Amino acid sequence: MKVDKEILVIGDIEMGAGNLTDDFISDKTLAELISKFSKIRHPVDLILNGDTFDFFKCPYFDWNKLTYPRHITAEISQVKLRTIHHAHPKVFQALHGFVKTPKHNLYFIIGNHDFDLLYKEVQHDLKKILKGHTNVHFSWNYHYEGVYIEHGHQYDFLNKINFKRFFLSYKGKSILNLPWITFGLISNFMNVKEEHPFAERISNRNLLFSHHRPFLREVSFKAIGYMIKSIIYYPLRHYSDPTYTFPKELFRAFYRRIKKLQWDLDRIIPIFKTEKTKIFEENTIHILGHIHEKIVEEKDGKAIIHPGSWRDEYELDKHGKIHPQPKRYVQILLKGKSLTHKLIELPVKRKPLQFKEVMADERKSIQLAAREEGYEPVFY
């Protein structure tokens, strides 16, 4: 039977600046996959399901110095987009090849790491880079014939965006109203990420911290210190800065994570079902991102899928080995009234690494990982 439309979904790519805070190195694999999609002749919707770009961990050039500004204007976001483009040209070139076909539509779903896509100036620049205007789209979700797709950060209490107030006013300029936890990570944890660029790519976090106690102490002390300062010190010291306003309703959730040493994200599927009951009932296939793990839940003719992340991520086992995680995407085919889906996994060609050896020299380890993937970092 003829395919009426094909929907392809890739999430959590998190392209950054090619520096120590950029966790995406699979340019070659992703570019080849998108180029393969470009050859499809029937109508295709390619959905990049949030966090396509890692704006929030992407540094900003200030007088040739890498900085992580807290107050994000449209101009700063535009510079960051150019930096990401410079670091990952193969992927942008492949996306340009995809949108050259009129029947191919490209959708950027906005996530918590690429909230900057909300700026019209950034959207304009990205369309200009891709040379696609009528078939490049930006949205909070995608909805078509029984298929519903969104990133999913709105079901994560610490990372949800205030839909009633996207922007704040600071010193006469409009800046992004980022989640409180994001403001904290930008101002307090980018140096930790640069010092431990590989460790943050590893899960299970509890097992990671049990093997790496000094890292646990460093992260815990920083988190506790930030929470205390956010309540007592920052509101007084930065009383005219709206980015330092502490949302009291977050105190309990943040305290719970620190107390339980829970640094992995909560499952969001139960919250999605509760908050989007009508959406869930009316659609057959639901795809979420944000959670960087494979989750497939199929019951009563409905499916909820987390395909996982395209970051360079690893799973630590109890024997002290870390295993590179595979990359996946979702393929959905519409044939008449028939709707079928498949979660496709790309083979892992890299060997497991020894945790102790990686932690002994994290910078060297991520350079070797990038080399294995055929990626040349920009700022290591």
Protein backbone atom coordinates (compact mmCIF):
# COMPACT_ATOMS: atom_id res chain seq x y z
CA MET A 1 0.00 0.00 0.00
CA LYS A 2 1.22 3.50 -0.82
CA VAL A 3 2.61 5.54 2.07
CA ASP A 4 0.64 8.78 2.48
CA LYS A 5 3.04 10.29 4.99
CA GLU A 6 6.08 9.25 6.99
CA ILE A 7 6.82 10.85 10.36
CA LEU A 8 10.36 10.53 11.70
CA VAL A 9 11.21 11.58 15.24
CA ILE A 10 14.64 12.31 16.75
CA GLY A 11 14.99 13.87 20.18
CA ASP A 12 17.52 15.35 22.60
CA ILE A 13 20.41 15.86 20.19
CA GLU A 14 21.80 18.75 22.28
CA MET A 15 24.30 20.18 19.81
CA GLY A 16 26.60 22.67 21.52
CA ALA A 17 29.72 24.68 20.84
CA GLY A 18 32.18 21.82 20.36
CA ASN A 19 33.74 22.61 23.74
CA LEU A 20 33.92 20.77 27.08
CA THR A 21 30.24 21.40 27.84
CA ASP A 22 29.08 20.02 24.46
CA ASP A 23 28.04 16.37 24.76
CA PHE A 24 27.10 15.76 21.13
CA ILE A 25 29.74 14.05 18.96
CA SER A 26 27.66 11.86 16.60
CA ASP A 27 27.70 14.35 13.70
CA LYS A 28 28.71 11.76 11.13
CA THR A 29 26.03 9.24 12.12
CA LEU A 30 23.25 11.82 12.39
CA ALA A 31 24.17 13.60 9.15
CA GLU A 32 24.17 10.29 7.27
CA LEU A 33 20.78 9.39 8.74
CA ILE A 34 19.21 12.73 7.77
CA SER A 35 20.74 12.43 4.28
CA LYS A 36 19.06 9.03 4.03
CA PHE A 37 15.73 10.65 4.97
CA SER A 38 16.31 13.24 2.23
CA LYS A 39 16.05 10.54 -0.43
CA ILE A 40 12.53 9.51 0.55
CA ARG A 41 10.11 10.49 -2.23
CA HIS A 42 6.77 10.51 -0.41
CA PRO A 43 5.81 13.28 2.08
CA VAL A 44 7.97 13.28 5.22
CA ASP A 45 7.70 15.21 8.48
CA LEU A 46 11.02 15.16 10.35
CA ILE A 47 10.39 16.07 13.99
CA LEU A 48 13.38 17.20 16.06
CA ASN A 49 11.69 16.73 19.40
CA GLY A 50 13.20 19.37 21.66
CA ASP A 51 16.72 20.06 22.92
CA THR A 52 18.00 19.87 19.36
CA PHE A 53 20.46 22.56 20.43
CA ASP A 54 22.04 22.94 23.85
CA PHE A 55 21.84 26.71 24.08
CA PHE A 56 21.98 26.75 27.85
CA LYS A 57 25.36 24.95 28.09
CA CYS A 58 26.68 26.71 24.98
CA PRO A 59 29.19 29.43 25.90
CA TYR A 60 29.01 32.98 24.64
CA PHE A 61 32.07 34.77 23.27
CA ASP A 62 32.77 37.95 25.22
CA TRP A 63 36.03 39.58 24.07
CA ASN A 64 37.37 36.18 22.93
CA LYS A 65 36.58 34.69 26.33
CA LEU A 66 34.07 31.88 26.84
CA THR A 67 31.35 32.96 29.27
CA TYR A 68 27.96 31.60 30.35
CA PRO A 69 25.67 34.64 30.65
CA ARG A 70 22.63 34.44 32.88
CA HIS A 71 20.66 37.13 31.07
CA ILE A 72 19.87 35.73 27.61
CA THR A 73 18.82 38.32 25.03
CA ALA A 74 17.93 37.60 21.40
CA GLU A 75 21.37 38.86 20.35
CA ILE A 76 23.14 36.44 22.68
CA SER A 77 21.01 33.55 21.40
CA GLN A 78 21.83 34.49 17.81
CA VAL A 79 25.56 34.39 18.56
CA LYS A 80 25.15 31.01 20.25
CA LEU A 81 23.32 29.65 17.19
CA ARG A 82 26.22 30.74 14.98
CA THR A 83 28.64 29.06 17.39
CA ILE A 84 26.67 25.78 17.28
CA HIS A 85 26.49 25.97 13.48
CA HIS A 86 30.27 26.41 13.34
CA ALA A 87 30.80 23.41 15.64
CA HIS A 88 28.42 21.01 13.81
CA PRO A 89 28.29 21.99 10.12
CA LYS A 90 27.64 18.42 8.86
CA VAL A 91 24.29 18.20 10.63
CA PHE A 92 23.16 21.63 9.41
CA GLN A 93 24.23 20.72 5.87
CA ALA A 94 22.22 17.48 6.05
CA LEU A 95 19.15 19.37 7.33
CA HIS A 96 19.53 21.83 4.45
CA GLY A 97 19.55 18.88 2.04
CA PHE A 98 16.39 17.51 3.66
CA VAL A 99 14.32 20.71 3.36
CA LYS A 100 15.28 21.20 -0.30
CA THR A 101 12.46 18.79 -1.17
CA PRO A 102 9.06 20.58 -1.02
CA LYS A 103 7.31 17.46 0.35
CA HIS A 104 9.71 17.39 3.30
CA ASN A 105 8.78 19.40 6.40
CA LEU A 106 11.15 20.01 9.31
CA TYR A 107 9.71 20.71 12.76
CA PHE A 108 11.75 22.08 15.65
CA ILE A 109 9.88 21.29 18.86
CA ILE A 110 11.06 23.67 21.58
CA GLY A 111 12.60 22.07 24.67
CA ASN A 112 14.15 23.39 27.88
CA HIS A 113 17.71 23.38 26.45
CA ASP A 114 16.71 25.27 23.28
CA PHE A 115 14.13 27.66 24.72
CA ASP A 116 16.07 30.30 22.73
CA LEU A 117 14.20 29.11 19.62
CA LEU A 118 11.28 31.14 20.92
CA TYR A 119 13.05 34.29 19.68
CA LYS A 120 11.83 35.22 16.19
CA GLU A 121 15.34 36.47 15.40
CA VAL A 122 16.78 33.01 16.11
CA GLN A 123 14.08 31.34 14.02
CA HIS A 124 14.86 33.70 11.14
CA ASP A 125 18.60 32.98 11.37
CA LEU A 126 18.06 29.22 11.48
CA LYS A 127 15.76 29.31 8.46
CA LYS A 128 18.40 31.36 6.65
CA ILE A 129 21.12 28.81 7.49
CA LEU A 130 18.92 25.95 6.24
CA LYS A 131 17.65 27.92 3.24
CA GLY A 132 14.16 26.68 4.00
CA HIS A 133 11.39 29.10 4.80
CA THR A 134 8.01 27.54 4.03
CA ASN A 135 8.85 24.03 5.24
CA VAL A 136 10.78 24.83 8.46
CA HIS A 137 8.49 25.11 11.48
CA PHE A 138 8.79 25.89 15.21
CA SER A 139 6.29 24.69 17.79
CA TRP A 140 5.75 23.40 21.34
CA ASN A 141 4.26 20.16 19.99
CA TYR A 142 3.32 18.22 16.85
CA HIS A 143 -0.15 16.77 16.31
CA TYR A 144 -1.25 14.82 13.21
CA GLU A 145 -3.81 12.04 12.58
CA GLY A 146 -3.51 10.21 15.92
CA VAL A 147 0.15 11.12 16.53
CA TYR A 148 1.09 13.49 19.36
CA ILE A 149 4.67 14.60 20.01
CA GLU A 150 6.20 17.01 22.52
CA HIS A 151 9.48 17.30 24.39
CA GLY A 152 8.08 16.64 27.87
CA HIS A 153 9.92 19.10 30.13
CA GLN A 154 6.58 20.62 31.17
CA TYR A 155 5.96 17.46 33.22
CA ASP A 156 9.27 17.87 35.08
CA PHE A 157 8.66 20.23 38.00
CA LEU A 158 12.20 21.62 38.10
CA ASN A 159 12.53 22.22 34.35
CA LYS A 160 9.07 23.40 33.28
CA ILE A 161 8.79 26.78 31.56
CA ASN A 162 6.41 29.50 32.68
CA PHE A 163 3.97 29.68 29.74
CA LYS A 164 2.37 32.80 31.21
CA ARG A 165 5.64 34.74 31.12
CA PHE A 166 8.22 33.73 28.52
CA PHE A 167 10.35 36.85 28.96
CA LEU A 168 11.63 39.05 31.79
CA SER A 169 12.68 42.70 31.66
CA TYR A 170 16.21 43.46 32.91
CA LYS A 171 18.02 46.77 32.46
CA GLY A 172 15.69 47.75 29.65
CA LYS A 173 16.20 44.52 27.72
CA SER A 174 14.00 41.48 27.18
CA ILE A 175 15.61 38.25 28.45
CA LEU A 176 14.47 34.64 28.58
CA ASN A 177 12.55 33.60 31.68
CA LEU A 178 14.42 30.33 32.13
CA PRO A 179 13.46 27.73 34.75
CA TRP A 180 15.03 28.46 38.15
CA ILE A 181 17.14 25.30 37.99
CA THR A 182 18.56 26.41 34.62
CA PHE A 183 19.58 29.80 35.99
CA GLY A 184 21.37 27.95 38.78
CA LEU A 185 23.19 25.56 36.45
CA ILE A 186 24.35 28.41 34.21
CA SER A 187 25.73 30.49 37.08
CA ASN A 188 27.05 27.79 39.39
CA PHE A 189 27.74 24.51 37.62
CA MET A 190 29.36 25.23 34.24
CA ASN A 191 32.79 25.16 35.87
CA VAL A 192 31.93 21.74 37.36
CA LYS A 193 30.89 20.53 33.90
CA GLU A 194 34.19 21.76 32.45
CA GLU A 195 36.15 20.04 35.22
CA HIS A 196 34.19 16.78 34.84
CA PRO A 197 33.12 16.77 31.17
CA PHE A 198 32.79 12.98 30.95
CA ALA A 199 31.20 12.19 34.34
CA GLU A 200 27.98 14.05 33.55
CA ARG A 201 27.44 11.77 30.53
CA ILE A 202 27.24 8.68 32.74
CA SER A 203 24.16 7.10 34.32
CA ASN A 204 23.02 5.53 36.70
CA ARG A 205 23.98 8.60 38.73
CA ASN A 206 23.69 6.90 42.12
CA LEU A 207 26.09 4.18 41.02
CA LEU A 208 28.37 6.82 39.49
CA PHE A 209 28.54 8.74 42.79
CA SER A 210 29.18 5.55 44.77
CA HIS A 211 32.27 5.00 42.59
CA HIS A 212 33.30 8.66 42.64
CA ARG A 213 32.80 10.10 46.14
CA PRO A 214 34.79 13.33 45.60
CA PHE A 215 32.53 14.22 42.67
CA LEU A 216 29.45 13.50 44.82
CA ARG A 217 30.71 15.83 47.57
CA GLU A 218 31.49 18.58 45.09
CA VAL A 219 28.06 18.43 43.43
CA SER A 220 26.18 18.09 46.73
CA PHE A 221 27.95 21.02 48.41
CA LYS A 222 27.36 23.21 45.37
CA ALA A 223 23.68 22.28 45.19
CA ILE A 224 23.09 22.86 48.91
CA GLY A 225 25.03 26.13 48.78
CA TYR A 226 23.03 27.37 45.82
CA MET A 227 19.72 26.53 47.48
CA ILE A 228 20.67 28.33 50.72
CA LYS A 229 21.97 31.40 48.87
CA SER A 230 18.83 31.45 46.71
CA ILE A 231 16.68 31.73 49.83
CA ILE A 232 18.79 34.02 52.02
CA TYR A 233 21.49 35.85 50.06
CA TYR A 234 20.61 36.29 46.36
CA PRO A 235 17.20 38.02 46.84
CA LEU A 236 18.95 40.74 48.88
CA ARG A 237 22.17 40.96 46.89
CA HIS A 238 20.36 40.99 43.52
CA TYR A 239 17.02 42.48 44.56
CA SER A 240 16.55 44.26 41.20
CA ASP A 241 17.39 41.15 39.14
CA PRO A 242 14.26 39.04 38.38
CA THR A 243 16.36 35.96 37.54
CA TYR A 244 17.26 35.58 41.22
CA THR A 245 13.68 35.34 42.45
CA PHE A 246 13.34 32.04 44.30
CA PRO A 247 10.10 30.15 43.56
CA LYS A 248 9.17 28.82 47.00
CA GLU A 249 7.08 25.99 45.54
CA LEU A 250 10.31 24.44 44.20
CA PHE A 251 11.96 24.20 47.61
CA ARG A 252 10.42 20.84 48.52
CA ALA A 253 11.25 19.22 45.15
CA PHE A 254 14.83 20.48 45.14
CA TYR A 255 15.35 19.50 48.80
CA ARG A 256 14.00 16.01 48.10
CA ARG A 257 16.52 15.49 45.29
CA ILE A 258 19.46 16.60 47.43
CA LYS A 259 18.36 14.54 50.44
CA LYS A 260 17.93 11.36 48.38
CA LEU A 261 20.96 12.15 46.20
CA GLN A 262 18.60 11.85 43.24
CA TRP A 263 20.21 13.53 40.25
CA ASP A 264 18.46 11.59 37.46
CA LEU A 265 15.17 12.96 36.10
CA ASP A 266 11.83 11.68 37.35
CA ARG A 267 9.60 9.62 35.06
CA ILE A 268 7.18 11.97 33.32
CA ILE A 269 4.74 9.52 31.68
CA PRO A 270 2.33 9.34 34.67
CA ILE A 271 2.22 13.15 34.87
CA PHE A 272 1.64 13.40 31.11
CA LYS A 273 -1.31 11.00 31.33
CA THR A 274 -2.82 13.00 34.18
CA GLU A 275 -2.34 16.48 32.73
CA LYS A 276 -3.07 15.58 29.10
CA THR A 277 -5.91 13.09 29.58
CA LYS A 278 -7.83 14.30 26.53
CA ILE A 279 -4.70 14.27 24.32
CA PHE A 280 -3.88 10.75 25.50
CA GLU A 281 -7.41 9.47 24.86
CA GLU A 282 -7.72 11.06 21.41
CA ASN A 283 -4.38 9.85 19.98
CA THR A 284 -2.78 6.48 19.34
CA ILE A 285 0.96 7.22 19.36
CA HIS A 286 2.54 9.59 21.86
CA ILE A 287 6.23 10.44 21.75
CA LEU A 288 8.06 12.30 24.51
CA GLY A 289 11.67 13.31 25.01
CA HIS A 290 13.52 14.92 27.92
CA ILE A 291 14.13 11.57 29.68
CA HIS A 292 17.39 10.25 28.25
CA GLU A 293 16.47 6.60 28.26
CA LYS A 294 14.51 4.15 26.15
CA ILE A 295 10.95 3.69 27.41
CA VAL A 296 8.20 1.98 25.41
CA GLU A 297 4.77 1.56 26.96
CA GLU A 298 2.12 -0.14 24.82
CA LYS A 299 -1.32 -0.98 26.17
CA ASP A 300 -4.91 -1.04 24.90
CA GLY A 301 -3.90 0.00 21.39
CA LYS A 302 -1.95 3.06 22.58
CA ALA A 303 1.80 3.64 22.65
CA ILE A 304 4.01 6.07 24.60
CA ILE A 305 7.62 6.16 23.47
CA HIS A 306 10.77 7.77 24.81
CA PRO A 307 13.39 7.03 22.11
CA GLY A 308 16.31 8.32 24.23
CA SER A 309 19.04 10.85 23.64
CA TRP A 310 21.57 11.50 20.89
CA ARG A 311 24.11 12.90 23.35
CA ASP A 312 27.27 10.89 23.95
CA GLU A 313 25.95 8.93 26.94
CA TYR A 314 27.01 5.85 28.86
CA GLU A 315 25.61 3.30 31.29
CA LEU A 316 27.82 2.32 34.24
CA ASP A 317 27.52 -1.30 35.37
CA LYS A 318 28.37 -2.78 38.77
CA HIS A 319 31.66 -4.14 37.43
CA GLY A 320 33.06 -0.70 36.72
CA LYS A 321 32.55 -0.70 32.95
CA ILE A 322 30.78 2.08 31.09
CA HIS A 323 28.85 1.15 27.97
CA PRO A 324 28.21 3.64 25.12
CA GLN A 325 24.46 4.00 24.62
CA PRO A 326 22.84 3.45 21.20
CA LYS A 327 21.03 6.12 19.20
CA ARG A 328 17.38 5.66 18.22
CA TYR A 329 14.61 7.28 16.24
CA VAL A 330 10.91 6.63 15.74
CA GLN A 331 9.42 5.86 12.34
CA ILE A 332 5.65 6.28 11.86
CA LEU A 333 3.93 5.34 8.60
CA LEU A 334 0.46 6.50 7.55
CA LYS A 335 -1.16 4.34 4.88
CA GLY A 336 -4.80 5.27 4.38
CA LYS A 337 -6.36 4.86 7.82
CA SER A 338 -3.56 2.56 8.98
CA LEU A 339 -0.98 3.91 11.45
CA THR A 340 2.14 1.88 12.28
CA HIS A 341 5.22 2.74 14.34
CA LYS A 342 8.68 1.36 14.89
CA LEU A 343 11.49 2.32 17.26
CA ILE A 344 14.68 1.91 15.24
CA GLU A 345 18.01 1.48 17.00
CA LEU A 346 21.34 2.14 15.33
CA PRO A 347 24.09 -0.35 16.20
CA VAL A 348 26.76 0.60 18.73
CA LYS A 349 30.20 0.16 17.19
CA ARG A 350 32.25 1.29 20.18
CA LYS A 351 33.62 -0.89 22.98
CA PRO A 352 32.92 -0.47 26.72
CA LEU A 353 35.38 1.64 28.69
CA GLN A 354 36.87 1.20 32.16
CA PHE A 355 35.39 3.68 34.62
CA LYS A 356 38.64 4.21 36.56
CA GLU A 357 40.63 4.90 33.40
CA VAL A 358 38.05 7.40 32.16
CA MET A 359 37.89 9.25 35.50
CA ALA A 360 41.69 9.42 35.65
CA ASP A 361 41.69 11.75 32.64
CA GLU A 362 38.21 12.86 31.57
CA ARG A 363 39.41 15.37 29.01
CA LYS A 364 41.52 12.78 27.23
CA SER A 365 38.63 10.29 27.35
CA ILE A 366 36.15 12.60 25.64
CA GLN A 367 38.74 13.43 22.99
CA LEU A 368 39.16 9.71 22.28
CA ALA A 369 35.37 9.22 22.20
CA ALA A 370 34.97 12.09 19.74
CA ARG A 371 37.72 10.64 17.54
CA GLU A 372 35.98 7.25 17.49
CA GLU A 373 32.80 8.97 16.30
CA GLY A 374 34.69 10.85 13.62
CA TYR A 375 34.14 14.24 15.25
CA GLU A 376 36.77 16.94 15.62
CA PRO A 377 36.02 19.12 18.67
CA VAL A 378 36.44 22.85 18.26
CA PHE A 379 37.56 24.12 21.67
CA TYR A 380 39.02 21.17 23.61
